[in-house]
Amino acid sequence: MKIIQITDTHLSPGKIHFNGNWEPLAAWVNAQQPDLVIHTGDLSVDGADLEEDLTFCMELMGAVEAPMLIVPGNHDIGHLPGSHQPVDALRLERWRRLVGADRWAKQSDGWLFIGLNALVLGFDDAEEEAQFAWLEQVLAERDGRRVAIFTHKPLFVDDPNEGDTGYWSIRPAPRQRLYDLIAAHDVALFASGHLHWAWKGQFNTTALVWGPSSAFIIDTMEREMPGERLVGAVIHTFGEDVASEIVKLPELTPFVIDGIIHEVYPQAVRKQNPEAAE
């Protein structure tokens, strides 16, 4: 079975900076004739606040001929508590209504493919607990199938036992809960996006893959991370085991975010000067 992972497309009807990469990406995906396409989040630029961003993105996803499953990214539903766009009931409802489920499971050819909503991990609330209860049940019922998990944020950046990396990876407490479930079940692959770096590694017996964004790379405005800066996709081939190939796509323009981030990324709303409001 062939699955193509795409991620961090960052499409928008209003902020069109990366839209030009969608048509060649969709054409390349269709030419590969995959059995399934999995989008690991940041479908949009600002679907967390703008319904039209998610609607626009879903219309574009129709260009892909294979079935597609999607998990949300922080640009789609918001981020951690204390951020200027925290995940909340309104943002989750918008995603579920316009895109679909924010977590899912699919069985095929001796495999169980699981999509997780990484953005509710770290809230320590009912949504997080509901997802863990669902995950535990799905894994308990896998009936000998091997497991591949797809989500937006990686388990860690530099070290499996690192502390809280804030924006970048899953927080330590939910990460440990995932480690325990991974150890108890035959999880062969944990694939993610978010970092805009392309990398393959290993955690015990589980292969780790960071899919490259199809939109842009980050130059020097953020810290160096493992892997490579490139725009592309990942081809995962599932048989008795899984083989993952990170593919750099020359058809895509490797836009650099550094000089245009304030044009593109959602910014916190500044408090209005009380004197100016009078």
Protein backbone atom coordinates (compact mmCIF):
# COMPACT_ATOMS: atom_id res chain seq x y z
CA MET A 1 0.00 0.00 0.00
CA LYS A 2 1.32 3.43 -0.93
CA ILE A 3 0.48 6.47 1.18
CA ILE A 4 1.69 9.96 0.32
CA GLN A 5 2.06 12.36 3.21
CA ILE A 6 1.75 16.06 2.47
CA THR A 7 1.91 18.73 5.12
CA ASP A 8 2.00 22.43 5.93
CA THR A 9 0.52 23.60 2.63
CA HIS A 10 -0.46 26.98 4.14
CA LEU A 11 -3.09 27.86 1.56
CA SER A 12 -5.35 30.90 1.78
CA PRO A 13 -7.68 32.98 -0.39
CA GLY A 14 -6.38 36.19 1.17
CA LYS A 15 -2.71 35.46 1.84
CA ILE A 16 -1.75 33.86 -1.43
CA HIS A 17 2.02 33.68 -0.91
CA PHE A 18 2.27 29.87 -1.24
CA ASN A 19 -0.79 29.02 -3.32
CA GLY A 20 1.32 28.59 -6.46
CA ASN A 21 2.83 25.40 -5.03
CA TRP A 22 -0.52 23.63 -4.75
CA GLU A 23 -1.21 22.87 -8.42
CA PRO A 24 2.22 21.25 -9.07
CA LEU A 25 2.01 19.36 -5.78
CA ALA A 26 -1.43 17.97 -6.59
CA ALA A 27 -0.26 17.00 -10.08
CA TRP A 28 2.76 15.17 -8.65
CA VAL A 29 0.60 13.36 -6.08
CA ASN A 30 -1.83 12.22 -8.77
CA ALA A 31 1.02 10.98 -10.96
CA GLN A 32 2.20 8.71 -8.09
CA GLN A 33 -1.22 7.01 -7.97
CA PRO A 34 -1.22 6.50 -4.20
CA ASP A 35 -3.82 4.42 -2.41
CA LEU A 36 -4.28 7.17 0.17
CA VAL A 37 -3.07 10.71 0.85
CA ILE A 38 -2.60 11.92 4.42
CA HIS A 39 -2.27 15.64 5.13
CA THR A 40 -0.60 16.21 8.51
CA GLY A 41 -1.93 19.67 9.14
CA ASP A 42 -1.52 23.39 8.61
CA LEU A 43 -3.78 23.02 5.64
CA SER A 44 -4.42 26.76 5.85
CA VAL A 45 -2.78 30.02 6.81
CA ASP A 46 -5.50 31.12 9.23
CA GLY A 47 -8.26 28.57 9.40
CA ALA A 48 -8.06 28.99 13.17
CA ASP A 49 -9.92 32.28 12.78
CA LEU A 50 -11.22 32.46 9.21
CA GLU A 51 -13.86 30.07 7.95
CA GLU A 52 -13.11 31.06 4.36
CA ASP A 53 -9.53 29.78 4.71
CA LEU A 54 -10.74 26.25 5.50
CA THR A 55 -13.44 26.37 2.83
CA PHE A 56 -10.91 27.53 0.22
CA CYS A 57 -8.46 24.79 1.21
CA MET A 58 -11.03 22.02 1.04
CA GLU A 59 -12.06 23.12 -2.45
CA LEU A 60 -8.40 22.86 -3.51
CA MET A 61 -8.00 19.42 -1.92
CA GLY A 62 -10.52 18.19 -4.49
CA ALA A 63 -7.74 18.27 -7.09
CA VAL A 64 -6.24 15.16 -5.47
CA GLU A 65 -7.73 12.04 -7.03
CA ALA A 66 -6.92 9.56 -4.24
CA PRO A 67 -8.86 9.43 -0.96
CA MET A 68 -7.46 11.91 1.55
CA LEU A 69 -7.41 11.99 5.35
CA ILE A 70 -6.41 15.15 7.21
CA VAL A 71 -5.39 16.03 10.76
CA PRO A 72 -5.42 19.64 11.95
CA GLY A 73 -2.44 21.89 12.51
CA ASN A 74 -2.08 24.94 14.71
CA HIS A 75 -2.87 27.26 11.79
CA ASP A 76 -6.13 25.34 11.35
CA ILE A 77 -7.52 25.13 14.90
CA GLY A 78 -5.15 27.10 17.14
CA HIS A 79 -2.37 26.21 19.52
CA LEU A 80 -1.49 25.88 23.20
CA PRO A 81 -3.09 27.61 26.19
CA GLY A 82 -1.75 31.15 26.45
CA SER A 83 -1.16 31.53 22.71
CA HIS A 84 -3.12 34.22 20.88
CA GLN A 85 -5.13 31.51 19.10
CA PRO A 86 -5.65 28.73 21.66
CA VAL A 87 -7.65 25.68 20.64
CA ASP A 88 -11.24 26.15 21.81
CA ALA A 89 -14.70 24.75 21.17
CA LEU A 90 -15.43 27.23 18.37
CA ARG A 91 -12.25 26.41 16.46
CA LEU A 92 -12.77 22.66 16.85
CA GLU A 93 -16.38 22.94 15.72
CA ARG A 94 -15.32 24.89 12.62
CA TRP A 95 -12.79 22.22 11.65
CA ARG A 96 -15.18 19.35 12.23
CA ARG A 97 -17.91 21.03 10.23
CA LEU A 98 -15.82 22.17 7.26
CA VAL A 99 -13.04 19.56 7.08
CA GLY A 100 -14.10 16.50 9.07
CA ALA A 101 -13.01 14.54 12.11
CA ASP A 102 -9.90 15.79 13.91
CA ARG A 103 -8.94 12.20 14.79
CA TRP A 104 -9.57 9.04 12.81
CA ALA A 105 -8.58 5.40 12.33
CA LYS A 106 -8.46 3.36 9.12
CA GLN A 107 -7.66 -0.32 8.65
CA SER A 108 -6.08 -1.74 5.50
CA ASP A 109 -3.87 -4.68 4.51
CA GLY A 110 -2.83 -5.67 8.03
CA TRP A 111 -2.25 -2.07 9.11
CA LEU A 112 -4.05 0.35 11.38
CA PHE A 113 -3.56 3.99 10.37
CA ILE A 114 -4.34 6.52 13.09
CA GLY A 115 -4.66 10.28 12.81
CA LEU A 116 -4.30 12.28 16.03
CA ASN A 117 -5.11 15.87 16.88
CA ALA A 118 -1.79 17.00 18.38
CA LEU A 119 -3.13 20.45 19.23
CA VAL A 120 -5.35 19.28 22.09
CA LEU A 121 -2.38 17.55 23.74
CA GLY A 122 -1.16 19.62 26.67
CA PHE A 123 -4.49 21.15 27.66
CA ASP A 124 -5.22 18.57 30.38
CA ASP A 125 -8.93 18.92 29.67
CA ALA A 126 -11.91 16.88 28.50
CA GLU A 127 -10.93 17.04 24.81
CA GLU A 128 -7.47 15.67 25.54
CA GLU A 129 -8.81 12.93 27.79
CA ALA A 130 -11.45 11.95 25.23
CA GLN A 131 -8.79 11.56 22.55
CA PHE A 132 -6.57 9.42 24.80
CA ALA A 133 -9.55 7.22 25.75
CA TRP A 134 -10.39 6.83 22.06
CA LEU A 135 -6.75 6.05 21.18
CA GLU A 136 -6.47 3.44 23.91
CA GLN A 137 -9.62 1.72 22.66
CA VAL A 138 -8.57 1.81 19.00
CA LEU A 139 -5.18 0.32 19.85
CA ALA A 140 -6.73 -2.33 22.11
CA GLU A 141 -8.90 -3.44 19.19
CA ARG A 142 -6.16 -3.51 16.53
CA ASP A 143 -6.34 -7.33 16.37
CA GLY A 144 -2.70 -7.90 15.46
CA ARG A 145 -2.47 -5.11 12.91
CA ARG A 146 0.68 -3.02 12.81
CA VAL A 147 0.21 0.67 13.55
CA ALA A 148 1.19 3.94 11.86
CA ILE A 149 0.33 7.22 13.59
CA PHE A 150 0.06 10.54 11.75
CA THR A 151 -0.19 13.88 13.51
CA HIS A 152 0.90 17.49 13.12
CA LYS A 153 3.50 17.93 15.86
CA PRO A 154 6.47 15.61 16.44
CA LEU A 155 7.05 13.71 19.65
CA PHE A 156 10.30 15.58 20.25
CA VAL A 157 12.87 17.69 18.43
CA ASP A 158 16.34 16.76 19.71
CA ASP A 159 15.96 14.14 22.42
CA PRO A 160 13.16 11.77 23.45
CA ASN A 161 13.49 12.92 27.06
CA GLU A 162 13.79 16.64 26.42
CA GLY A 163 11.71 19.15 28.37
CA ASP A 164 8.96 21.37 27.10
CA THR A 165 9.92 22.86 23.73
CA GLY A 166 6.89 25.15 23.68
CA TYR A 167 5.78 25.75 20.12
CA TRP A 168 7.69 22.90 18.52
CA SER A 169 6.79 19.48 19.92
CA ILE A 170 4.30 17.61 22.08
CA ARG A 171 4.58 18.51 25.75
CA PRO A 172 6.32 16.04 28.12
CA ALA A 173 3.25 14.72 29.98
CA PRO A 174 1.16 13.73 26.94
CA ARG A 175 4.36 12.66 25.17
CA GLN A 176 5.02 10.12 27.94
CA ARG A 177 1.45 8.82 27.63
CA LEU A 178 2.07 8.34 23.91
CA TYR A 179 5.40 6.60 24.64
CA ASP A 180 3.58 4.16 26.93
CA LEU A 181 0.99 3.36 24.25
CA ILE A 182 3.66 3.05 21.55
CA ALA A 183 5.58 0.59 23.75
CA ALA A 184 2.46 -1.48 24.44
CA HIS A 185 1.45 -1.79 20.78
CA ASP A 186 3.18 -2.47 17.48
CA VAL A 187 3.60 1.16 16.38
CA ALA A 188 5.93 1.00 13.39
CA LEU A 189 5.72 4.65 12.30
CA PHE A 190 5.06 8.05 13.85
CA ALA A 191 4.87 10.68 11.08
CA SER A 192 4.40 14.41 11.59
CA GLY A 193 4.90 17.84 10.01
CA HIS A 194 4.96 21.30 11.63
CA LEU A 195 8.71 21.91 11.83
CA HIS A 196 9.39 22.71 8.16
CA TRP A 197 12.38 20.39 8.35
CA ALA A 198 12.60 16.98 6.64
CA TRP A 199 14.04 14.20 8.79
CA LYS A 200 13.93 10.46 9.41
CA GLY A 201 14.92 8.90 12.72
CA GLN A 202 14.06 6.19 15.22
CA PHE A 203 12.54 5.93 18.69
CA ASN A 204 13.19 2.42 20.00
CA THR A 205 11.49 0.26 17.33
CA THR A 206 9.33 3.07 15.90
CA ALA A 207 10.39 4.94 12.76
CA LEU A 208 9.98 8.71 12.99
CA VAL A 209 9.41 10.92 9.96
CA TRP A 210 9.08 14.71 9.76
CA GLY A 211 7.40 15.51 6.48
CA PRO A 212 8.64 18.61 4.64
CA SER A 213 6.28 21.50 4.06
CA SER A 214 5.15 22.04 0.48
CA ALA A 215 4.93 25.80 1.15
CA PHE A 216 8.16 27.21 2.54
CA ILE A 217 11.42 26.71 4.39
CA ILE A 218 12.75 28.61 7.40
CA ASP A 219 16.17 30.21 7.01
CA THR A 220 17.80 31.80 10.07
CA MET A 221 14.89 33.27 12.02
CA GLU A 222 14.50 30.06 14.04
CA ARG A 223 16.91 27.57 15.59
CA GLU A 224 18.63 24.86 13.59
CA MET A 225 16.95 21.48 13.80
CA PRO A 226 17.85 17.95 12.66
CA GLY A 227 17.31 17.15 8.99
CA GLU A 228 17.15 19.20 5.81
CA ARG A 229 15.47 22.36 4.59
CA LEU A 230 13.42 21.45 1.53
CA VAL A 231 9.91 21.55 0.10
CA GLY A 232 8.33 18.28 -0.91
CA ALA A 233 6.38 15.29 0.38
CA VAL A 234 6.86 11.76 1.76
CA ILE A 235 6.07 8.42 0.14
CA HIS A 236 5.30 5.70 2.71
CA THR A 237 5.17 2.13 1.36
CA PHE A 238 3.51 -0.42 3.64
CA GLY A 239 4.02 -4.16 3.38
CA GLU A 240 5.22 -6.36 6.20
CA ASP A 241 7.13 -3.25 7.32
CA VAL A 242 7.09 0.40 6.26
CA ALA A 243 9.63 2.23 4.09
CA SER A 244 9.48 6.03 3.98
CA GLU A 245 11.06 8.21 1.29
CA ILE A 246 11.33 11.97 1.72
CA VAL A 247 11.00 13.50 -1.75
CA LYS A 248 12.33 16.93 -2.66
CA LEU A 249 10.11 18.31 -5.41
CA PRO A 250 11.79 20.64 -7.92
CA GLU A 251 8.32 21.51 -9.22
CA LEU A 252 7.75 23.51 -6.03
CA THR A 253 9.21 26.93 -5.25
CA PRO A 254 11.16 26.84 -1.95
CA PHE A 255 9.76 30.09 -0.57
CA VAL A 256 11.60 31.45 2.48
CA ILE A 257 9.37 32.65 5.32
CA ASP A 258 11.86 34.89 7.15
CA GLY A 259 11.29 38.11 5.22
CA ILE A 260 7.52 37.82 4.91
CA ILE A 261 6.42 36.24 8.18
CA HIS A 262 4.61 39.37 9.38
CA GLU A 263 2.66 39.47 6.13
CA VAL A 264 1.61 35.84 6.36
CA TYR A 265 1.37 34.59 9.92
CA PRO A 266 -1.63 35.48 12.09
CA GLN A 267 -0.61 38.12 14.59
CA ALA A 268 -1.96 38.70 18.07
CA VAL A 269 -4.48 41.54 18.12
CA ARG A 270 -2.92 44.51 19.84
CA LYS A 271 -4.91 46.09 22.63
CA GLN A 272 -6.31 49.39 21.53
CA ASN A 273 -4.89 52.47 23.22
CA PRO A 274 -7.64 53.57 25.63
CA GLU A 275 -6.89 57.24 25.04
CA ALA A 276 -7.16 56.78 21.27
CA ALA A 277 -10.55 55.16 21.69
CA GLU A 278 -12.02 58.13 23.47
